[in-house]
Amino acid sequence: MDVGKLVAVIGDEDTVSGFLLAGVGHRTADSTNFLIVKTDTKIQQVEEAFLNFSQRDDVGIILINQHIAGDIRHVLKDYTQTIPTVLEIPSKEHPYDPEQDYIMQRVNMYLGAGT
């Protein structure tokens, strides 16, 4: 029987809690598939969580709040893998801005409409 891949979440407390309540959470003795980013969370922790999730074979999608993705944009720009796919999502306090989304930037670049 084939086993599906996990969705990893990096986000603020409201976003991660919502996904955990929806059943996305997965915890083992060694790891989880989520990171709650608070005001005192160091950027290095976010970068390490992203790199960890992106290297795991059991993760198929990484959801990250767009405002947090902006803090690790230098890491995201170097990320070239297809799977896990990285999707930037809005949060309750920060609406989605397609001009900040690196996937949309790449689409515009390929279509010749981007900066």
N, C-alpha and C. Protein backbone atom coordinates (compact mmCIF):
# COMPACT_ATOMS: atom_id res chain seq x y z
N MET A 1 0.84 -1.18 0.00
CA MET A 1 0.00 0.00 0.00
C MET A 1 0.88 1.25 0.00
N ASP A 2 0.61 2.17 -0.91
CA ASP A 2 1.37 3.42 -0.98
C ASP A 2 0.97 4.33 0.16
N VAL A 3 1.96 4.97 0.72
CA VAL A 3 1.72 5.92 1.79
C VAL A 3 1.87 7.32 1.21
N GLY A 4 0.92 8.22 1.53
CA GLY A 4 0.97 9.58 1.03
C GLY A 4 2.05 10.39 1.70
N LYS A 5 2.25 11.56 1.19
CA LYS A 5 3.25 12.47 1.75
C LYS A 5 2.57 13.46 2.68
N LEU A 6 3.36 14.01 3.58
CA LEU A 6 2.87 14.96 4.57
C LEU A 6 2.88 16.38 4.03
N VAL A 7 2.08 17.22 4.66
CA VAL A 7 2.11 18.65 4.44
C VAL A 7 2.83 19.25 5.64
N ALA A 8 3.91 19.97 5.41
CA ALA A 8 4.62 20.66 6.48
C ALA A 8 4.14 22.11 6.52
N VAL A 9 4.09 22.68 7.72
CA VAL A 9 3.58 24.04 7.88
C VAL A 9 4.57 24.86 8.70
N ILE A 10 4.93 26.03 8.18
CA ILE A 10 5.73 27.01 8.91
C ILE A 10 4.88 28.27 8.95
N GLY A 11 4.46 28.66 10.13
CA GLY A 11 3.59 29.82 10.19
C GLY A 11 3.39 30.35 11.59
N ASP A 12 2.55 31.37 11.66
CA ASP A 12 2.21 31.94 12.96
C ASP A 12 1.31 30.96 13.72
N GLU A 13 1.06 31.27 14.96
CA GLU A 13 0.32 30.34 15.82
C GLU A 13 -1.08 30.05 15.30
N ASP A 14 -1.79 31.06 14.82
CA ASP A 14 -3.15 30.84 14.30
C ASP A 14 -3.15 29.93 13.08
N THR A 15 -2.22 30.16 12.16
CA THR A 15 -2.16 29.36 10.94
C THR A 15 -1.83 27.91 11.25
N VAL A 16 -0.78 27.70 12.03
CA VAL A 16 -0.36 26.33 12.34
C VAL A 16 -1.44 25.62 13.15
N SER A 17 -2.03 26.30 14.11
CA SER A 17 -3.09 25.68 14.92
C SER A 17 -4.26 25.26 14.05
N GLY A 18 -4.63 26.09 13.09
CA GLY A 18 -5.72 25.75 12.19
C GLY A 18 -5.42 24.50 11.38
N PHE A 19 -4.22 24.40 10.86
CA PHE A 19 -3.85 23.20 10.10
C PHE A 19 -3.75 21.98 10.99
N LEU A 20 -3.28 22.15 12.21
CA LEU A 20 -3.22 21.02 13.13
C LEU A 20 -4.62 20.53 13.48
N LEU A 21 -5.54 21.45 13.69
CA LEU A 21 -6.93 21.07 13.97
C LEU A 21 -7.58 20.38 12.77
N ALA A 22 -7.10 20.70 11.58
CA ALA A 22 -7.63 20.06 10.37
C ALA A 22 -7.01 18.68 10.14
N GLY A 23 -6.04 18.30 10.97
CA GLY A 23 -5.47 16.97 10.88
C GLY A 23 -4.16 16.87 10.14
N VAL A 24 -3.50 17.99 9.90
CA VAL A 24 -2.26 17.99 9.14
C VAL A 24 -1.07 17.58 10.01
N GLY A 25 -1.16 17.74 11.31
CA GLY A 25 -0.02 17.51 12.19
C GLY A 25 0.46 16.07 12.22
N HIS A 26 1.77 15.92 12.33
CA HIS A 26 2.39 14.61 12.43
C HIS A 26 3.60 14.75 13.36
N ARG A 27 3.65 13.91 14.38
CA ARG A 27 4.73 13.99 15.35
C ARG A 27 5.30 12.59 15.57
N THR A 28 6.61 12.52 15.54
CA THR A 28 7.30 11.29 15.90
C THR A 28 8.18 11.60 17.10
N ALA A 29 8.91 10.60 17.57
CA ALA A 29 9.81 10.83 18.69
C ALA A 29 10.92 11.81 18.32
N ASP A 30 11.24 11.86 17.02
CA ASP A 30 12.35 12.69 16.57
C ASP A 30 11.96 14.04 15.98
N SER A 31 10.76 14.14 15.41
CA SER A 31 10.45 15.36 14.67
C SER A 31 8.95 15.61 14.56
N THR A 32 8.64 16.78 14.03
CA THR A 32 7.26 17.16 13.71
C THR A 32 7.26 17.67 12.27
N ASN A 33 6.09 17.96 11.76
CA ASN A 33 6.00 18.53 10.41
C ASN A 33 5.50 19.97 10.46
N PHE A 34 5.75 20.66 11.55
CA PHE A 34 5.30 22.04 11.66
C PHE A 34 6.25 22.84 12.54
N LEU A 35 6.23 24.16 12.32
CA LEU A 35 6.97 25.10 13.16
C LEU A 35 6.08 26.31 13.41
N ILE A 36 5.84 26.60 14.67
CA ILE A 36 5.11 27.80 15.04
C ILE A 36 6.13 28.92 15.22
N VAL A 37 5.98 29.97 14.43
CA VAL A 37 6.90 31.10 14.47
C VAL A 37 6.27 32.20 15.30
N LYS A 38 6.94 32.55 16.37
CA LYS A 38 6.49 33.63 17.26
C LYS A 38 7.47 34.80 17.13
N THR A 39 7.18 35.87 17.81
CA THR A 39 8.04 37.06 17.70
C THR A 39 9.46 36.81 18.18
N ASP A 40 9.64 35.86 19.10
CA ASP A 40 10.97 35.58 19.62
C ASP A 40 11.67 34.42 18.89
N THR A 41 11.06 33.90 17.83
CA THR A 41 11.68 32.82 17.05
C THR A 41 12.79 33.40 16.19
N LYS A 42 13.95 32.83 16.27
CA LYS A 42 15.09 33.31 15.49
C LYS A 42 14.95 32.89 14.02
N ILE A 43 15.41 33.75 13.12
CA ILE A 43 15.36 33.47 11.69
C ILE A 43 16.10 32.17 11.38
N GLN A 44 17.18 31.92 12.10
CA GLN A 44 17.96 30.70 11.89
C GLN A 44 17.10 29.46 12.14
N GLN A 45 16.21 29.50 13.13
CA GLN A 45 15.32 28.37 13.40
C GLN A 45 14.36 28.14 12.23
N VAL A 46 13.86 29.23 11.66
CA VAL A 46 12.95 29.12 10.51
C VAL A 46 13.70 28.54 9.32
N GLU A 47 14.91 29.04 9.07
CA GLU A 47 15.72 28.53 7.97
C GLU A 47 16.00 27.03 8.15
N GLU A 48 16.38 26.63 9.37
CA GLU A 48 16.68 25.23 9.64
C GLU A 48 15.44 24.35 9.46
N ALA A 49 14.28 24.84 9.90
CA ALA A 49 13.05 24.07 9.73
C ALA A 49 12.73 23.91 8.25
N PHE A 50 12.86 24.99 7.48
CA PHE A 50 12.59 24.90 6.05
C PHE A 50 13.54 23.91 5.38
N LEU A 51 14.82 24.01 5.66
CA LEU A 51 15.79 23.10 5.05
C LEU A 51 15.53 21.65 5.46
N ASN A 52 15.15 21.45 6.72
CA ASN A 52 14.82 20.11 7.20
C ASN A 52 13.60 19.56 6.46
N PHE A 53 12.53 20.34 6.39
CA PHE A 53 11.32 19.88 5.70
C PHE A 53 11.59 19.61 4.22
N SER A 54 12.40 20.46 3.60
CA SER A 54 12.65 20.33 2.16
C SER A 54 13.52 19.12 1.84
N GLN A 55 14.21 18.56 2.81
CA GLN A 55 15.06 17.40 2.58
C GLN A 55 14.40 16.09 3.00
N ARG A 56 13.24 16.17 3.61
CA ARG A 56 12.57 14.95 4.07
C ARG A 56 11.83 14.28 2.92
N ASP A 57 11.95 12.97 2.85
CA ASP A 57 11.28 12.20 1.81
C ASP A 57 9.78 12.08 2.03
N ASP A 58 9.33 12.27 3.27
CA ASP A 58 7.91 12.08 3.58
C ASP A 58 7.10 13.37 3.48
N VAL A 59 7.71 14.48 3.06
CA VAL A 59 7.01 15.76 2.93
C VAL A 59 6.81 16.06 1.44
N GLY A 60 5.56 16.35 1.06
CA GLY A 60 5.24 16.66 -0.33
C GLY A 60 4.95 18.12 -0.58
N ILE A 61 4.49 18.83 0.46
CA ILE A 61 4.16 20.26 0.34
C ILE A 61 4.64 20.97 1.59
N ILE A 62 5.21 22.13 1.41
CA ILE A 62 5.57 23.00 2.54
C ILE A 62 4.74 24.27 2.41
N LEU A 63 3.88 24.50 3.39
CA LEU A 63 3.10 25.74 3.45
C LEU A 63 3.82 26.69 4.39
N ILE A 64 3.98 27.93 3.94
CA ILE A 64 4.66 28.93 4.77
C ILE A 64 3.92 30.25 4.65
N ASN A 65 3.70 30.90 5.79
CA ASN A 65 3.08 32.22 5.75
C ASN A 65 3.97 33.16 4.94
N GLN A 66 3.34 33.96 4.11
CA GLN A 66 4.10 34.83 3.21
C GLN A 66 5.00 35.80 3.96
N HIS A 67 4.52 36.34 5.07
CA HIS A 67 5.35 37.30 5.80
C HIS A 67 6.56 36.62 6.44
N ILE A 68 6.46 35.35 6.75
CA ILE A 68 7.60 34.59 7.27
C ILE A 68 8.53 34.21 6.13
N ALA A 69 7.95 33.85 4.99
CA ALA A 69 8.75 33.54 3.80
C ALA A 69 9.63 34.73 3.43
N GLY A 70 9.12 35.93 3.62
CA GLY A 70 9.91 37.13 3.33
C GLY A 70 11.17 37.21 4.17
N ASP A 71 11.11 36.66 5.38
CA ASP A 71 12.28 36.67 6.27
C ASP A 71 13.36 35.69 5.81
N ILE A 72 12.97 34.66 5.07
CA ILE A 72 13.96 33.68 4.59
C ILE A 72 13.97 33.66 3.06
N ARG A 73 13.66 34.78 2.45
CA ARG A 73 13.58 34.86 1.00
C ARG A 73 14.87 34.40 0.32
N HIS A 74 16.02 34.71 0.93
CA HIS A 74 17.30 34.29 0.36
C HIS A 74 17.41 32.77 0.28
N VAL A 75 16.82 32.05 1.21
CA VAL A 75 16.82 30.59 1.18
C VAL A 75 15.84 30.09 0.13
N LEU A 76 14.67 30.71 0.07
CA LEU A 76 13.65 30.28 -0.90
C LEU A 76 14.10 30.51 -2.34
N LYS A 77 14.83 31.58 -2.59
CA LYS A 77 15.29 31.85 -3.96
C LYS A 77 16.27 30.80 -4.44
N ASP A 78 17.00 30.19 -3.51
CA ASP A 78 17.96 29.15 -3.88
C ASP A 78 17.31 27.77 -3.98
N TYR A 79 16.07 27.65 -3.56
CA TYR A 79 15.38 26.36 -3.57
C TYR A 79 14.85 26.08 -4.97
N THR A 80 15.27 24.96 -5.56
CA THR A 80 14.89 24.67 -6.95
C THR A 80 14.13 23.36 -7.12
N GLN A 81 13.90 22.63 -6.05
CA GLN A 81 13.22 21.35 -6.15
C GLN A 81 11.74 21.54 -6.47
N THR A 82 11.16 20.52 -7.10
CA THR A 82 9.73 20.53 -7.39
C THR A 82 8.95 19.97 -6.20
N ILE A 83 9.50 18.92 -5.61
CA ILE A 83 8.86 18.29 -4.46
C ILE A 83 9.90 18.23 -3.35
N PRO A 84 9.57 18.69 -2.17
CA PRO A 84 8.29 19.26 -1.80
C PRO A 84 8.06 20.64 -2.43
N THR A 85 6.83 20.86 -2.80
CA THR A 85 6.41 22.13 -3.37
C THR A 85 6.22 23.14 -2.24
N VAL A 86 6.68 24.35 -2.45
CA VAL A 86 6.56 25.41 -1.44
C VAL A 86 5.45 26.36 -1.87
N LEU A 87 4.48 26.53 -0.98
CA LEU A 87 3.38 27.46 -1.25
C LEU A 87 3.33 28.51 -0.15
N GLU A 88 3.30 29.76 -0.57
CA GLU A 88 3.17 30.86 0.39
C GLU A 88 1.69 31.16 0.57
N ILE A 89 1.29 31.26 1.82
CA ILE A 89 -0.12 31.48 2.15
C ILE A 89 -0.26 32.72 3.02
N PRO A 90 -1.42 33.35 2.99
CA PRO A 90 -1.63 34.53 3.84
C PRO A 90 -1.85 34.11 5.29
N SER A 91 -1.78 35.07 6.16
CA SER A 91 -2.13 34.85 7.56
C SER A 91 -3.24 35.83 7.93
N LYS A 92 -3.74 35.66 9.10
CA LYS A 92 -4.83 36.52 9.56
C LYS A 92 -4.41 38.00 9.60
N GLU A 93 -3.19 38.24 9.97
CA GLU A 93 -2.70 39.62 10.12
C GLU A 93 -2.02 40.17 8.86
N HIS A 94 -1.65 39.30 7.93
CA HIS A 94 -0.90 39.72 6.75
C HIS A 94 -1.56 39.16 5.50
N PRO A 95 -2.23 40.00 4.72
CA PRO A 95 -2.90 39.51 3.50
C PRO A 95 -1.87 39.07 2.45
N TYR A 96 -2.34 38.25 1.52
CA TYR A 96 -1.49 37.73 0.45
C TYR A 96 -1.14 38.83 -0.53
N ASP A 97 0.13 38.89 -0.92
CA ASP A 97 0.62 39.84 -1.91
C ASP A 97 1.32 39.06 -3.02
N PRO A 98 0.68 38.90 -4.19
CA PRO A 98 1.29 38.09 -5.25
C PRO A 98 2.63 38.62 -5.73
N GLU A 99 2.91 39.90 -5.55
CA GLU A 99 4.19 40.44 -5.99
C GLU A 99 5.34 39.99 -5.09
N GLN A 100 5.03 39.53 -3.89
CA GLN A 100 6.06 39.03 -2.97
C GLN A 100 6.26 37.52 -3.09
N ASP A 101 5.36 36.83 -3.75
CA ASP A 101 5.39 35.37 -3.86
C ASP A 101 6.41 34.96 -4.91
N TYR A 102 7.42 34.20 -4.49
CA TYR A 102 8.49 33.86 -5.42
C TYR A 102 8.00 32.94 -6.54
N ILE A 103 6.99 32.14 -6.31
CA ILE A 103 6.43 31.30 -7.38
C ILE A 103 5.79 32.20 -8.44
N MET A 104 5.05 33.19 -8.01
CA MET A 104 4.45 34.12 -8.97
C MET A 104 5.53 34.92 -9.70
N GLN A 105 6.60 35.25 -9.01
CA GLN A 105 7.71 35.96 -9.66
C GLN A 105 8.32 35.09 -10.76
N ARG A 106 8.48 33.80 -10.49
CA ARG A 106 9.03 32.89 -11.49
C ARG A 106 8.08 32.72 -12.67
N VAL A 107 6.79 32.61 -12.39
CA VAL A 107 5.80 32.49 -13.46
C VAL A 107 5.87 33.72 -14.35
N ASN A 108 5.89 34.89 -13.75
CA ASN A 108 5.98 36.13 -14.53
C ASN A 108 7.28 36.20 -15.35
N MET A 109 8.36 35.70 -14.75
CA MET A 109 9.64 35.71 -15.47
C MET A 109 9.54 34.81 -16.71
N TYR A 110 8.97 33.62 -16.55
CA TYR A 110 8.85 32.70 -17.67
C TYR A 110 7.91 33.21 -18.73
N LEU A 111 6.89 33.96 -18.33
CA LEU A 111 5.93 34.50 -19.27
C LEU A 111 6.40 35.84 -19.86
N GLY A 112 7.52 36.35 -19.36
CA GLY A 112 8.06 37.59 -19.88
C GLY A 112 7.39 38.83 -19.33
N ALA A 113 6.62 38.68 -18.25
CA ALA A 113 5.91 39.82 -17.71
C ALA A 113 6.52 40.30 -16.40
N GLY A 114 7.52 39.59 -15.88
CA GLY A 114 8.04 39.90 -14.55
C GLY A 114 9.20 40.85 -14.55
N THR A 115 9.56 41.18 -13.32
CA THR A 115 10.71 42.06 -13.12
C THR A 115 11.95 41.25 -12.95
